[in-house]
Amino acid sequence: MARISRQEHREDSADEAINRVLAAEQEALKGVAHAEQQAVELIAKARLHARHIEERADARSSKLRVRCRTWVAREVAARRSKAEQVLACPVEADDRQQKLRVAIARLAVELTGGDE
């Protein structure tokens, strides 16, 4: 009888060990499923965050383009105005030609390193 009792005890022990292993396996599977769900949520949050960053960057880029176009338009207008003023200045043709000859001569001296 003692022998049967030991065998029953061994079977009970083996059954308990198998049950513990199965329970641990189920807990591990639950842990993996939970981790996978967390990963999915993190990916969704990261994509949303990236979308917000992209939208902000696009908005800032658009504003910068507008400011640059405005600045360029102002600069072009200012230079055109200055050019019109210069062209409108009354200068004698002979005076212009003389000034041009002097400027060319000075430039030639600068470029060649020679004397006038």
C-alpha atoms as a PDB file:
ATOM      1  CA  MET A   1       0.000   0.000   0.000  1.00  0.00           C
ATOM      2  CA  ALA A   2       2.839   2.327   0.727  1.00  0.00           C
ATOM      3  CA  ARG A   3       4.023   1.799  -2.778  1.00  0.00           C
ATOM      4  CA  ILE A   4       0.724   2.906  -4.272  1.00  0.00           C
ATOM      5  CA  SER A   5       0.672   5.881  -2.023  1.00  0.00           C
ATOM      6  CA  ARG A   6       4.115   6.955  -3.227  1.00  0.00           C
ATOM      7  CA  GLN A   7       3.111   6.485  -6.835  1.00  0.00           C
ATOM      8  CA  GLU A   8      -0.035   8.531  -6.326  1.00  0.00           C
ATOM      9  CA  HIS A   9       2.064  11.172  -4.636  1.00  0.00           C
ATOM     10  CA  ARG A  10       4.489  11.202  -7.602  1.00  0.00           C
ATOM     11  CA  GLU A  11       1.604  11.448 -10.059  1.00  0.00           C
ATOM     12  CA  ASP A  12       0.071  14.283  -8.063  1.00  0.00           C
ATOM     13  CA  SER A  13       3.458  16.009  -7.960  1.00  0.00           C
ATOM     14  CA  ALA A  14       3.935  15.541 -11.691  1.00  0.00           C
ATOM     15  CA  ASP A  15       0.417  16.812 -12.381  1.00  0.00           C
ATOM     16  CA  GLU A  16       1.031  19.834 -10.184  1.00  0.00           C
ATOM     17  CA  ALA A  17       4.349  20.537 -11.936  1.00  0.00           C
ATOM     18  CA  ILE A  18       2.718  20.247 -15.354  1.00  0.00           C
ATOM     19  CA  ASN A  19      -0.090  22.545 -14.211  1.00  0.00           C
ATOM     20  CA  ARG A  20       2.462  25.077 -12.932  1.00  0.00           C
ATOM     21  CA  VAL A  21       4.307  24.950 -16.256  1.00  0.00           C
ATOM     22  CA  LEU A  22       1.061  25.391 -18.194  1.00  0.00           C
ATOM     23  CA  ALA A  23       0.013  28.283 -15.960  1.00  0.00           C
ATOM     24  CA  ALA A  24       3.418  29.920 -16.399  1.00  0.00           C
ATOM     25  CA  GLU A  25       3.139  29.454 -20.149  1.00  0.00           C
ATOM     26  CA  GLN A  26      -0.289  31.104 -20.146  1.00  0.00           C
ATOM     27  CA  GLU A  27       1.052  34.026 -18.109  1.00  0.00           C
ATOM     28  CA  ALA A  28       3.971  34.361 -20.520  1.00  0.00           C
ATOM     29  CA  LEU A  29       1.606  34.391 -23.495  1.00  0.00           C
ATOM     30  CA  LYS A  30      -0.488  37.066 -21.776  1.00  0.00           C
ATOM     31  CA  GLY A  31       2.691  39.070 -21.203  1.00  0.00           C
ATOM     32  CA  VAL A  32       3.680  38.766 -24.859  1.00  0.00           C
ATOM     33  CA  ALA A  33       0.186  39.806 -25.991  1.00  0.00           C
ATOM     34  CA  HIS A  34       0.299  42.781 -23.621  1.00  0.00           C
ATOM     35  CA  ALA A  35       3.731  43.805 -24.905  1.00  0.00           C
ATOM     36  CA  GLU A  36       2.540  43.516 -28.511  1.00  0.00           C
ATOM     37  CA  GLN A  37      -0.481  45.709 -27.729  1.00  0.00           C
ATOM     38  CA  GLN A  38       1.768  48.298 -26.083  1.00  0.00           C
ATOM     39  CA  ALA A  39       4.037  48.261 -29.139  1.00  0.00           C
ATOM     40  CA  VAL A  40       1.059  48.857 -31.438  1.00  0.00           C
ATOM     41  CA  GLU A  41      -0.074  51.780 -29.266  1.00  0.00           C
ATOM     42  CA  LEU A  42       3.435  53.279 -29.176  1.00  0.00           C
ATOM     43  CA  ILE A  43       3.739  53.023 -32.949  1.00  0.00           C
ATOM     44  CA  ALA A  44       0.371  54.758 -33.395  1.00  0.00           C
ATOM     45  CA  LYS A  45       1.419  57.550 -31.001  1.00  0.00           C
ATOM     46  CA  ALA A  46       4.767  57.932 -32.781  1.00  0.00           C
ATOM     47  CA  ARG A  47       3.052  58.182 -36.168  1.00  0.00           C
ATOM     48  CA  LEU A  48       0.651  60.817 -34.842  1.00  0.00           C
ATOM     49  CA  HIS A  49       3.548  62.769 -33.347  1.00  0.00           C
ATOM     50  CA  ALA A  50       5.460  62.567 -36.631  1.00  0.00           C
ATOM     51  CA  ARG A  51       2.388  63.813 -38.500  1.00  0.00           C
ATOM     52  CA  HIS A  52       2.140  66.814 -36.152  1.00  0.00           C
ATOM     53  CA  ILE A  53       5.825  67.584 -36.651  1.00  0.00           C
ATOM     54  CA  GLU A  54       5.408  67.395 -40.414  1.00  0.00           C
ATOM     55  CA  GLU A  55       2.374  69.704 -40.329  1.00  0.00           C
ATOM     56  CA  ARG A  56       4.212  72.247 -38.153  1.00  0.00           C
ATOM     57  CA  ALA A  57       7.262  72.105 -40.425  1.00  0.00           C
ATOM     58  CA  ASP A  58       5.083  72.625 -43.508  1.00  0.00           C
ATOM     59  CA  ALA A  59       3.355  75.616 -41.894  1.00  0.00           C
ATOM     60  CA  ARG A  60       6.667  77.182 -40.851  1.00  0.00           C
ATOM     61  CA  SER A  61       8.128  76.564 -44.296  1.00  0.00           C
ATOM     62  CA  SER A  62       5.131  78.218 -45.950  1.00  0.00           C
ATOM     63  CA  LYS A  63       5.424  81.266 -43.709  1.00  0.00           C
ATOM     64  CA  LEU A  64       9.128  81.509 -44.454  1.00  0.00           C
ATOM     65  CA  ARG A  65       8.512  81.339 -48.215  1.00  0.00           C
ATOM     66  CA  VAL A  66       5.954  84.152 -47.940  1.00  0.00           C
ATOM     67  CA  ARG A  67       8.375  86.301 -45.938  1.00  0.00           C
ATOM     68  CA  CYS A  68      11.163  85.641 -48.444  1.00  0.00           C
ATOM     69  CA  ARG A  69       8.941  86.521 -51.410  1.00  0.00           C
ATOM     70  CA  THR A  70       7.868  89.724 -49.659  1.00  0.00           C
ATOM     71  CA  TRP A  71      11.485  90.666 -48.908  1.00  0.00           C
ATOM     72  CA  VAL A  72      12.586  89.939 -52.479  1.00  0.00           C
ATOM     73  CA  ALA A  73       9.706  91.992 -53.897  1.00  0.00           C
ATOM     74  CA  ARG A  74      10.642  94.939 -51.645  1.00  0.00           C
ATOM     75  CA  GLU A  75      14.310  94.701 -52.621  1.00  0.00           C
ATOM     76  CA  VAL A  76      13.492  94.521 -56.336  1.00  0.00           C
ATOM     77  CA  ALA A  77      11.164  97.518 -56.035  1.00  0.00           C
ATOM     78  CA  ALA A  78      13.813  99.515 -54.143  1.00  0.00           C
ATOM     79  CA  ARG A  79      16.483  98.728 -56.722  1.00  0.00           C
ATOM     80  CA  ARG A  80      14.179  99.563 -59.625  1.00  0.00           C
ATOM     81  CA  SER A  81      13.319 102.840 -57.975  1.00  0.00           C
ATOM     82  CA  LYS A  82      17.010 103.628 -57.497  1.00  0.00           C
ATOM     83  CA  ALA A  83      17.747 102.682 -61.106  1.00  0.00           C
ATOM     84  CA  GLU A  84      14.949 104.931 -62.320  1.00  0.00           C
ATOM     85  CA  GLN A  85      16.343 107.790 -60.231  1.00  0.00           C
ATOM     86  CA  VAL A  86      19.823 107.277 -61.648  1.00  0.00           C
ATOM     87  CA  LEU A  87      18.531 107.104 -65.200  1.00  0.00           C
ATOM     88  CA  ALA A  88      16.426 110.211 -64.646  1.00  0.00           C
ATOM     89  CA  CYS A  89      19.405 112.280 -63.490  1.00  0.00           C
ATOM     90  CA  PRO A  90      20.316 114.837 -66.101  1.00  0.00           C
ATOM     91  CA  VAL A  91      23.923 114.277 -67.077  1.00  0.00           C
ATOM     92  CA  GLU A  92      25.629 115.681 -70.091  1.00  0.00           C
ATOM     93  CA  ALA A  93      26.562 113.027 -72.618  1.00  0.00           C
ATOM     94  CA  ASP A  94      30.123 114.326 -72.775  1.00  0.00           C
ATOM     95  CA  ASP A  95      30.339 114.277 -68.988  1.00  0.00           C
ATOM     96  CA  ARG A  96      29.156 110.655 -68.895  1.00  0.00           C
ATOM     97  CA  GLN A  97      31.658 109.603 -71.521  1.00  0.00           C
ATOM     98  CA  GLN A  98      34.476 111.373 -69.707  1.00  0.00           C
ATOM     99  CA  LYS A  99      33.537 109.724 -66.412  1.00  0.00           C
ATOM    100  CA  LEU A 100      33.322 106.361 -68.151  1.00  0.00           C
ATOM    101  CA  ARG A 101      36.804 106.797 -69.683  1.00  0.00           C
ATOM    102  CA  VAL A 102      38.247 107.684 -66.277  1.00  0.00           C
ATOM    103  CA  ALA A 103      36.552 104.718 -64.620  1.00  0.00           C
ATOM    104  CA  ILE A 104      37.816 102.343 -67.328  1.00  0.00           C
ATOM    105  CA  ALA A 105      41.324 103.679 -66.988  1.00  0.00           C
ATOM    106  CA  ARG A 106      41.266 103.236 -63.205  1.00  0.00           C
ATOM    107  CA  LEU A 107      39.927  99.737 -63.555  1.00  0.00           C
ATOM    108  CA  ALA A 108      42.633  98.860 -66.072  1.00  0.00           C
ATOM    109  CA  VAL A 109      45.279 100.124 -63.672  1.00  0.00           C
ATOM    110  CA  GLU A 110      43.804  98.093 -60.836  1.00  0.00           C
ATOM    111  CA  LEU A 111      43.574  94.936 -62.913  1.00  0.00           C
ATOM    112  CA  THR A 112      47.045  95.158 -64.436  1.00  0.00           C
ATOM    113  CA  GLY A 113      48.817  96.731 -61.527  1.00  0.00           C
ATOM    114  CA  GLY A 114      50.231  99.388 -63.891  1.00  0.00           C
ATOM    115  CA  ASP A 115      50.353 103.156 -63.721  1.00  0.00           C
ATOM    116  CA  GLU A 116      47.864 105.465 -65.352  1.00  0.00           C
END
